[in-house]
C-alpha cells in the first residue's frame, strides 16, 4: 500500500506540470472556437530548435560515452518499433469496420517517434532532477525507422496478396466464360507465347516488390529526424558546448510550452476527423500509447538490471515507445501506404494518442521509475 500511495502522489504531482498545462490550455482554446492562430512556420521552427537541442545534448554525451552501453537499449528500441506495428496488425486489424491497411498504417505511426513528446518527457524529467544518459535521445531513429519500414512492408505484402487473390478470381471467372471445346472441356488458357511477353510479365511481378532503402531514406530526410541527427553529428564532431549552454538550453522549456499549446489546439481539431472512421480507433488510440510505453519500460528495466541503464533512460525509452510520430511519420506513410486513410491513423494519433502519451504516459513512467528505482 505504501508503494501505491507513493506512486499515486508522484503521479498526481506530475499532472500539474506547466508542460501539460499548456497542452490542456490549447485544447480548451480550440474547444471555445478562439481565433488564436500560430503560424505553421513558427511551429516548424520550434520543433527544429527543440530537436537540435536534444541532438546536441546527445552528441556531446556520445562523444564521451562508452558506446557498448548503447547497444542493448538501441536493440530494444528497434524491437519495440517493429512490435508496435505487429500488435496493430493482429489486434486493431481484426476489429469490426477496420480496414487492414488502415490498421497497419496506424501501427506504423504509433511505432514511429514523436520528437515533441520526447522533448516534453526530457523537460519533465529535468524539472524532477531525474538523471539520464544524454545519448538516450539518440534512440529515436532506432525505433522510428524500423516501425515505418515494417508498416510499409506489411501493407505492401497484404495489398499484393489481395491483388493476387482478385486476379485469381478474375481468371477463374474468365475461364468459366471461355468457349467450350469439343468433348465438353474448356479450351486451354493462354500462356506467354513470346520472350518479350514473358519478360513483361516478370517485370510486372518485380514491380510489386518492396524497396527498403527508399523508405529508410525518406525517413532519414524527414524534418524531425534530420534535425535530431544533425544535432547529434554536431555534438560528436564539433565542440558546441558554449552555444549549447548560452542559446539552445535556456529557451528550451519556453519553446516547449508554446509547442504544447499548438499540439493541444491541433488535437482538438483532429477529433472531427476521428469521428469519420470506426470508433475502435478511439479505443486503440487511448490504450495503445500506455501499452507501448509499458513494453518500453519493461525492456528498459531489463537494460537497467543487466547494463546499468539509468532510471531516466528507462523513462525515455518508455516515452518514445508511447509516442506517435507527428512530423516525419504522416508524410512517409502517405507515400508508402497510399491506400490507407489518413483520417484514421493521423486522427487517432493526434486527437487521442499524443495527448494520452503526454498527459498520462510521461507522468506515469516518471512516477513508476521513481517508485521502483529511486529515479534520481
Protein backbone atom coordinates (compact mmCIF):
# COMPACT_ATOMS: atom_id res chain seq x y z
CA UNK A 1 0.00 0.00 0.00
CA UNK A 2 2.86 2.39 0.78
CA UNK A 3 4.26 1.83 -2.73
CA UNK A 4 0.84 2.52 -4.32
CA UNK A 5 0.26 5.65 -2.22
CA UNK A 6 3.75 6.95 -3.02
CA UNK A 7 3.26 6.28 -6.72
CA UNK A 8 -0.17 7.97 -6.87
CA UNK A 9 1.19 11.02 -5.06
CA UNK A 10 4.09 11.32 -7.50
CA UNK A 11 1.75 10.78 -10.46
CA UNK A 12 -0.64 13.49 -9.25
CA UNK A 13 2.22 15.97 -8.90
CA UNK A 14 3.34 15.34 -12.49
CA UNK A 15 -0.13 16.16 -13.82
CA UNK A 16 0.29 19.72 -12.52
CA UNK A 17 3.38 20.42 -14.62
CA UNK A 18 3.32 23.55 -16.85
CA UNK A 19 4.05 21.38 -19.90
CA UNK A 20 0.73 19.56 -19.54
CA UNK A 21 -0.98 22.79 -18.54
CA UNK A 22 -0.16 24.36 -21.90
CA UNK A 23 -1.36 21.22 -23.71
CA UNK A 24 -4.72 21.31 -21.94
CA UNK A 25 -4.89 25.08 -22.44
CA UNK A 26 -4.51 24.62 -26.19
CA UNK A 27 -7.37 22.12 -26.24
CA UNK A 28 -9.60 24.49 -24.25
CA UNK A 29 -8.81 27.41 -26.57
CA UNK A 30 -9.70 25.31 -29.61
CA UNK A 31 -12.87 24.00 -27.94
CA UNK A 32 -14.24 27.54 -27.40
CA UNK A 33 -13.50 28.43 -31.05
CA UNK A 34 -10.85 31.01 -30.22
CA UNK A 35 -9.39 32.89 -33.19
CA UNK A 36 -5.86 32.40 -31.84
CA UNK A 37 -3.58 31.06 -34.58
CA UNK A 38 0.10 30.23 -34.51
CA UNK A 39 1.71 30.15 -37.99
CA UNK A 40 2.91 26.80 -39.25
CA UNK A 41 6.37 28.28 -39.84
CA UNK A 42 6.63 29.09 -36.12
CA UNK A 43 5.63 25.54 -35.24
CA UNK A 44 8.29 24.06 -37.55
CA UNK A 45 10.95 26.42 -36.18
CA UNK A 46 10.13 25.46 -32.59
CA UNK A 47 10.32 21.74 -33.39
CA UNK A 48 13.64 22.30 -35.14
CA UNK A 49 15.08 24.19 -32.17
CA UNK A 50 13.93 21.57 -29.66
CA UNK A 51 15.29 18.64 -31.64
CA UNK A 52 18.59 20.37 -32.38
CA UNK A 53 18.96 20.93 -28.64
CA UNK A 54 18.16 17.27 -27.87
CA UNK A 55 20.56 16.18 -30.63
CA UNK A 56 23.40 18.43 -29.43
CA UNK A 57 22.99 17.15 -25.90
CA UNK A 58 23.02 13.56 -27.13
CA UNK A 59 26.01 14.13 -29.42
CA UNK A 60 28.06 15.71 -26.65
CA UNK A 61 27.25 12.73 -24.43
CA UNK A 62 28.02 10.15 -27.13
CA UNK A 63 31.42 11.76 -27.67
CA UNK A 64 32.32 10.93 -24.09
CA UNK A 65 30.26 7.75 -23.63
CA UNK A 66 31.05 4.07 -23.76
CA UNK A 67 29.27 3.06 -26.98
CA UNK A 68 28.88 -0.52 -25.73
CA UNK A 69 26.34 0.82 -23.21
CA UNK A 70 24.10 1.94 -26.09
CA UNK A 71 23.88 -1.42 -27.84
CA UNK A 72 21.17 -3.12 -25.75
CA UNK A 73 18.88 -0.04 -25.47
CA UNK A 74 19.25 0.52 -29.24
CA UNK A 75 18.29 -3.11 -29.96
CA UNK A 76 15.31 -2.82 -27.63
CA UNK A 77 14.22 0.40 -29.37
CA UNK A 78 14.24 -1.36 -32.76
CA UNK A 79 12.33 -4.33 -31.33
CA UNK A 80 9.67 -2.02 -29.89
CA UNK A 81 9.22 -0.21 -33.21
CA UNK A 82 8.61 -3.49 -35.04
CA UNK A 83 6.48 -4.97 -32.26
CA UNK A 84 4.12 -1.99 -32.14
CA UNK A 85 3.29 -2.44 -35.84
CA UNK A 86 2.73 -6.18 -35.41
CA UNK A 87 0.41 -5.55 -32.44
CA UNK A 88 -1.75 -3.24 -34.57
CA UNK A 89 -1.70 -5.71 -37.48
CA UNK A 90 -3.04 -8.55 -35.37
CA UNK A 91 -5.34 -6.67 -32.95
CA UNK A 92 -6.69 -3.46 -34.45
CA UNK A 93 -7.00 -5.03 -37.92
CA UNK A 94 -9.38 -7.76 -36.72
CA UNK A 95 -11.87 -5.36 -35.09
CA UNK A 96 -15.18 -4.58 -36.84
CA UNK A 97 -15.15 -1.97 -39.64
CA UNK A 98 -11.35 -1.65 -39.59
CA UNK A 99 -9.50 -1.98 -42.88
CA UNK A 100 -6.25 -3.91 -42.60
CA UNK A 101 -4.13 -1.32 -44.43
CA UNK A 102 -5.52 1.42 -42.18
CA UNK A 103 -4.65 -0.65 -39.09
CA UNK A 104 -1.11 -1.26 -40.37
CA UNK A 105 -0.61 2.44 -41.12
CA UNK A 106 -1.91 3.31 -37.64
CA UNK A 107 0.57 0.86 -36.13
CA UNK A 108 3.35 2.43 -38.19
CA UNK A 109 2.52 5.91 -36.93
CA UNK A 110 2.30 4.74 -33.31
CA UNK A 111 5.54 2.81 -33.69
CA UNK A 112 7.34 5.84 -35.08
CA UNK A 113 8.56 8.50 -32.65
CA UNK A 114 7.33 11.99 -31.82
CA UNK A 115 10.17 14.45 -31.33
CA UNK A 116 7.91 16.83 -29.41
CA UNK A 117 6.81 14.10 -26.99
CA UNK A 118 10.46 13.16 -26.47
CA UNK A 119 11.29 16.80 -25.74
CA UNK A 120 8.37 17.06 -23.31
CA UNK A 121 9.50 13.93 -21.47
CA UNK A 122 13.06 15.20 -21.14
CA UNK A 123 11.83 18.57 -19.84
CA UNK A 124 9.63 16.96 -17.18
CA UNK A 125 12.47 14.69 -16.10
CA UNK A 126 14.84 17.63 -15.80
CA UNK A 127 12.30 19.51 -13.71
CA UNK A 128 12.22 16.47 -11.38
CA UNK A 129 16.01 16.36 -11.22
CA UNK A 130 15.97 12.87 -12.75
CA UNK A 131 19.32 11.82 -14.20
CA UNK A 132 19.50 10.11 -17.59
CA UNK A 133 22.05 9.30 -20.27
CA UNK A 134 22.13 12.30 -22.61
CA UNK A 135 22.59 9.91 -25.52
CA UNK A 136 19.22 8.29 -24.76
CA UNK A 137 17.54 10.76 -27.12
CA UNK A 138 19.59 9.19 -29.91
CA UNK A 139 17.43 6.04 -29.55
CA UNK A 140 14.83 7.92 -31.64
CA UNK A 141 15.88 6.65 -35.11
CA UNK A 142 16.43 3.08 -33.86
CA UNK A 143 12.69 2.88 -33.14
CA UNK A 144 11.34 5.27 -35.77
CA UNK A 145 12.84 3.75 -38.93
CA UNK A 146 12.10 0.05 -38.17
CA UNK A 147 8.47 0.93 -37.37
CA UNK A 148 7.91 2.81 -40.63
CA UNK A 149 9.73 0.18 -42.73
CA UNK A 150 7.78 -2.66 -41.08
CA UNK A 151 4.44 -0.91 -41.63
CA UNK A 152 5.10 -0.20 -45.30
CA UNK A 153 6.43 -3.71 -45.97
CA UNK A 154 3.46 -5.37 -44.23
CA UNK A 155 1.00 -3.15 -46.09
CA UNK A 156 2.69 -3.91 -49.40
CA UNK A 157 2.63 -7.67 -48.74
CA UNK A 158 -1.04 -7.50 -47.76
CA UNK A 159 -2.11 -5.43 -50.77
CA UNK A 160 -0.07 -7.67 -53.11
CA UNK A 161 -1.81 -10.76 -51.74
CA UNK A 162 -5.22 -9.09 -52.09
CA UNK A 163 -4.39 -8.07 -55.65
CA UNK A 164 -3.24 -11.60 -56.50
CA UNK A 165 -6.42 -13.00 -54.99
CA UNK A 166 -8.56 -10.63 -57.06
CA UNK A 167 -6.62 -11.53 -60.21
CA UNK A 168 -7.08 -15.22 -59.46
CA UNK A 169 -10.82 -14.76 -59.05
CA UNK A 170 -10.95 -12.76 -62.27
CA UNK A 171 -9.08 -15.53 -64.12
CA UNK A 172 -11.48 -18.15 -62.75
CA UNK A 173 -14.41 -16.07 -63.96
CA UNK A 174 -12.88 -15.63 -67.38
CA UNK A 175 -12.13 -19.36 -67.62
CA UNK A 176 -15.71 -20.19 -66.73
CA UNK A 177 -16.82 -17.95 -69.58
CA UNK A 178 -14.38 -19.39 -72.14
CA UNK A 179 -15.84 -21.24 -75.12
CA UNK A 180 -16.16 -24.97 -74.54
CA UNK A 181 -14.14 -27.16 -76.90
CA UNK A 182 -15.27 -30.40 -78.42
CA UNK A 183 -15.73 -33.09 -75.77
CA UNK A 184 -17.19 -30.66 -73.23
CA UNK A 185 -13.85 -29.32 -71.87
CA UNK A 186 -12.94 -25.62 -71.78
CA UNK A 187 -10.29 -24.52 -74.19
CA UNK A 188 -6.76 -24.16 -72.70
CA UNK A 189 -5.86 -20.81 -71.08
CA UNK A 190 -3.45 -18.61 -72.87
CA UNK A 191 0.25 -18.57 -71.86
CA UNK A 192 3.04 -16.21 -72.89
CA UNK A 193 3.95 -17.09 -76.46
CA UNK A 194 6.99 -14.86 -76.86
CA UNK A 195 10.09 -13.96 -74.82
CA UNK A 196 9.00 -10.29 -74.80
CA UNK A 197 5.63 -11.15 -73.28
CA UNK A 198 7.29 -13.35 -70.65
CA UNK A 199 9.72 -10.60 -69.64
CA UNK A 200 6.88 -8.08 -69.46
CA UNK A 201 5.01 -10.32 -67.01
CA UNK A 202 8.18 -10.79 -64.93
CA UNK A 203 8.68 -7.02 -64.73
CA UNK A 204 5.11 -6.68 -63.53
CA UNK A 205 5.79 -9.20 -60.76
CA UNK A 206 9.04 -7.45 -59.77
CA UNK A 207 7.27 -4.11 -59.55
CA UNK A 208 5.29 -5.46 -56.56
CA UNK A 209 8.46 -5.98 -54.51
CA UNK A 210 9.08 -3.56 -51.66
CA UNK A 211 12.26 -1.48 -51.82
CA UNK A 212 13.54 -0.93 -48.27
CA UNK A 213 16.17 1.74 -48.90
CA UNK A 214 13.75 4.41 -50.27
CA UNK A 215 11.67 4.04 -47.08
CA UNK A 216 14.74 4.44 -44.87
CA UNK A 217 15.99 7.35 -46.99
CA UNK A 218 12.64 9.16 -46.79
CA UNK A 219 12.53 8.69 -43.04
CA UNK A 220 16.07 9.99 -42.62
CA UNK A 221 15.23 13.00 -44.80
CA UNK A 222 12.19 13.88 -42.71
CA UNK A 223 12.48 17.25 -40.98
CA UNK A 224 12.31 15.92 -37.41
CA UNK A 225 14.83 13.12 -37.78
CA UNK A 226 17.12 15.31 -39.90
CA UNK A 227 17.23 17.96 -37.17
CA UNK A 228 17.91 15.40 -34.46
CA UNK A 229 20.65 13.64 -36.45
CA UNK A 230 22.21 17.00 -37.37
CA UNK A 231 22.38 17.93 -33.70
CA UNK A 232 23.92 14.56 -32.80
CA UNK A 233 26.53 14.90 -35.57
CA UNK A 234 27.45 18.43 -34.49
CA UNK A 235 27.67 17.32 -30.88
CA UNK A 236 30.04 14.49 -31.79
CA UNK A 237 32.19 16.15 -34.44
CA UNK A 238 32.43 19.71 -33.06
CA UNK A 239 32.59 21.33 -29.63
CA UNK A 240 29.27 23.20 -29.39
CA UNK A 241 29.19 23.36 -25.58
CA UNK A 242 29.29 27.16 -25.39
CA UNK A 243 26.49 27.82 -27.89
CA UNK A 244 24.51 24.98 -26.37
CA UNK A 245 24.68 26.49 -22.88
CA UNK A 246 24.17 30.11 -23.95
CA UNK A 247 21.49 29.75 -26.65
CA UNK A 248 19.82 26.34 -27.09
CA UNK A 249 19.45 25.29 -23.47
CA UNK A 250 17.99 28.45 -21.83
CA UNK A 251 14.95 28.75 -24.11
CA UNK A 252 14.15 25.04 -24.23
CA UNK A 253 11.26 25.00 -21.77
CA UNK A 254 9.67 28.18 -23.10
CA UNK A 255 9.67 26.87 -26.66
CA UNK A 256 8.29 23.55 -25.48
CA UNK A 257 5.40 25.31 -23.72
CA UNK A 258 4.40 27.04 -26.97
CA UNK A 259 4.69 23.72 -28.81
CA UNK A 260 2.38 22.05 -26.28
CA UNK A 261 -0.16 24.84 -26.80
CA UNK A 262 -0.07 24.23 -30.57
CA UNK A 263 -0.39 20.47 -30.11
CA UNK A 264 -3.40 20.90 -27.83
CA UNK A 265 -5.14 23.03 -30.45
CA UNK A 266 -4.26 20.50 -33.18
CA UNK A 267 -5.51 17.59 -31.08
CA UNK A 268 -8.93 19.17 -30.64
CA UNK A 269 -9.15 20.00 -34.33
CA UNK A 270 -8.41 16.37 -35.27
CA UNK A 271 -11.25 14.97 -33.15
CA UNK A 272 -13.64 15.77 -36.01
CA UNK A 273 -11.57 13.62 -38.36
CA UNK A 274 -11.59 10.73 -35.92
CA UNK A 275 -15.39 10.74 -35.87
CA UNK A 276 -15.41 9.89 -39.58
CA UNK A 277 -13.85 6.47 -39.02
CA UNK A 278 -14.67 3.47 -36.83
CA UNK A 279 -14.84 4.28 -33.12
CA UNK A 280 -12.45 1.41 -32.40
CA UNK A 281 -9.69 3.83 -33.41
CA UNK A 282 -10.51 5.95 -30.37
CA UNK A 283 -10.23 2.91 -28.09
CA UNK A 284 -6.97 1.85 -29.69
CA UNK A 285 -5.53 5.38 -29.56
CA UNK A 286 -6.21 5.57 -25.82
CA UNK A 287 -4.93 2.12 -24.86
CA UNK A 288 -2.02 1.72 -27.31
CA UNK A 289 0.29 4.52 -26.06
CA UNK A 290 0.09 3.21 -22.50
CA UNK A 291 0.60 -0.41 -23.57
CA UNK A 292 3.55 0.50 -25.82
CA UNK A 293 5.05 2.61 -23.05
CA UNK A 294 4.84 -0.28 -20.58
CA UNK A 295 6.58 -2.52 -23.12
CA UNK A 296 9.33 0.09 -23.43
CA UNK A 297 9.50 0.47 -19.66
CA UNK A 298 9.77 -3.32 -19.20
CA UNK A 299 12.59 -3.67 -21.73
CA UNK A 300 14.27 -0.61 -20.23
CA UNK A 301 14.16 -2.32 -16.83
CA UNK A 302 15.94 -5.33 -18.34
CA UNK A 303 18.64 -2.97 -19.65
CA UNK A 304 18.74 -1.28 -16.23
CA UNK A 305 19.36 -4.59 -14.46
CA UNK A 306 21.84 -6.01 -16.98
CA UNK A 307 23.83 -2.94 -18.08
CA UNK A 308 23.08 -0.24 -15.50
CA UNK A 309 20.82 1.78 -17.83
CA UNK A 310 19.64 4.70 -15.69
CA UNK A 311 16.06 5.11 -14.43
CA UNK A 312 15.85 8.27 -16.55
CA UNK A 313 16.96 6.27 -19.59
CA UNK A 314 14.23 3.72 -18.85
CA UNK A 315 11.69 6.56 -18.81
CA UNK A 316 12.96 7.95 -22.14
CA UNK A 317 12.64 4.50 -23.76
CA UNK A 318 9.08 4.24 -22.41
CA UNK A 319 8.21 7.77 -23.56
CA UNK A 320 9.39 7.28 -27.16
CA UNK A 321 7.58 3.92 -27.21
CA UNK A 322 4.36 5.63 -26.08
CA UNK A 323 4.71 8.48 -28.57
CA UNK A 324 3.37 8.53 -32.12
CA UNK A 325 5.05 10.46 -34.92
CA UNK A 326 3.58 13.89 -35.62
CA UNK A 327 6.08 15.24 -38.18
CA UNK A 328 8.01 12.73 -40.28
CA UNK A 329 5.66 9.75 -39.94
CA UNK A 330 2.50 11.03 -41.69
CA UNK A 331 4.13 12.05 -45.00
CA UNK A 332 6.21 8.85 -45.06
CA UNK A 333 3.11 6.70 -44.58
CA UNK A 334 1.06 8.73 -47.06
CA UNK A 335 3.69 7.98 -49.70
CA UNK A 336 4.38 4.39 -48.62
CA UNK A 337 0.78 3.25 -47.99
CA UNK A 338 -1.31 5.43 -50.33
CA UNK A 339 -4.36 3.18 -49.97
CA UNK A 340 -4.62 3.88 -46.21
CA UNK A 341 -6.98 6.55 -44.87
CA UNK A 342 -5.00 9.43 -43.27
CA UNK A 343 -8.04 10.45 -41.21
CA UNK A 344 -7.80 7.10 -39.44
CA UNK A 345 -4.14 6.97 -38.47
CA UNK A 346 -3.42 10.71 -38.18
CA UNK A 347 -6.70 11.40 -36.39
CA UNK A 348 -6.12 8.59 -33.90
CA UNK A 349 -2.57 9.75 -33.22
CA UNK A 350 -3.08 13.50 -32.97
CA UNK A 351 -6.54 13.64 -31.37
CA UNK A 352 -6.05 11.00 -28.70
CA UNK A 353 -2.71 9.16 -28.85
CA UNK A 354 -0.41 12.14 -28.35
CA UNK A 355 -2.44 13.78 -25.53
CA UNK A 356 -2.60 10.41 -23.73
CA UNK A 357 1.17 9.92 -24.08
CA UNK A 358 1.85 13.45 -22.83
CA UNK A 359 -0.77 13.87 -20.12
CA UNK A 360 -0.84 10.33 -18.72
CA UNK A 361 2.14 8.41 -20.11
CA UNK A 362 5.03 10.71 -19.18
CA UNK A 363 3.91 11.34 -15.55
CA UNK A 364 3.07 7.65 -15.21
CA UNK A 365 6.51 6.39 -16.29
CA UNK A 366 8.40 9.02 -14.28
CA UNK A 367 6.39 8.18 -11.16
CA UNK A 368 6.87 4.46 -11.74
CA UNK A 369 10.63 4.86 -12.21
CA UNK A 370 10.92 6.94 -9.06
CA UNK A 371 8.90 4.44 -7.05
CA UNK A 372 10.72 1.34 -8.37
CA UNK A 373 14.29 2.57 -8.84
CA UNK A 374 14.65 5.78 -6.90
CA UNK A 375 14.83 7.65 -10.24
CA UNK A 376 17.18 10.46 -9.24
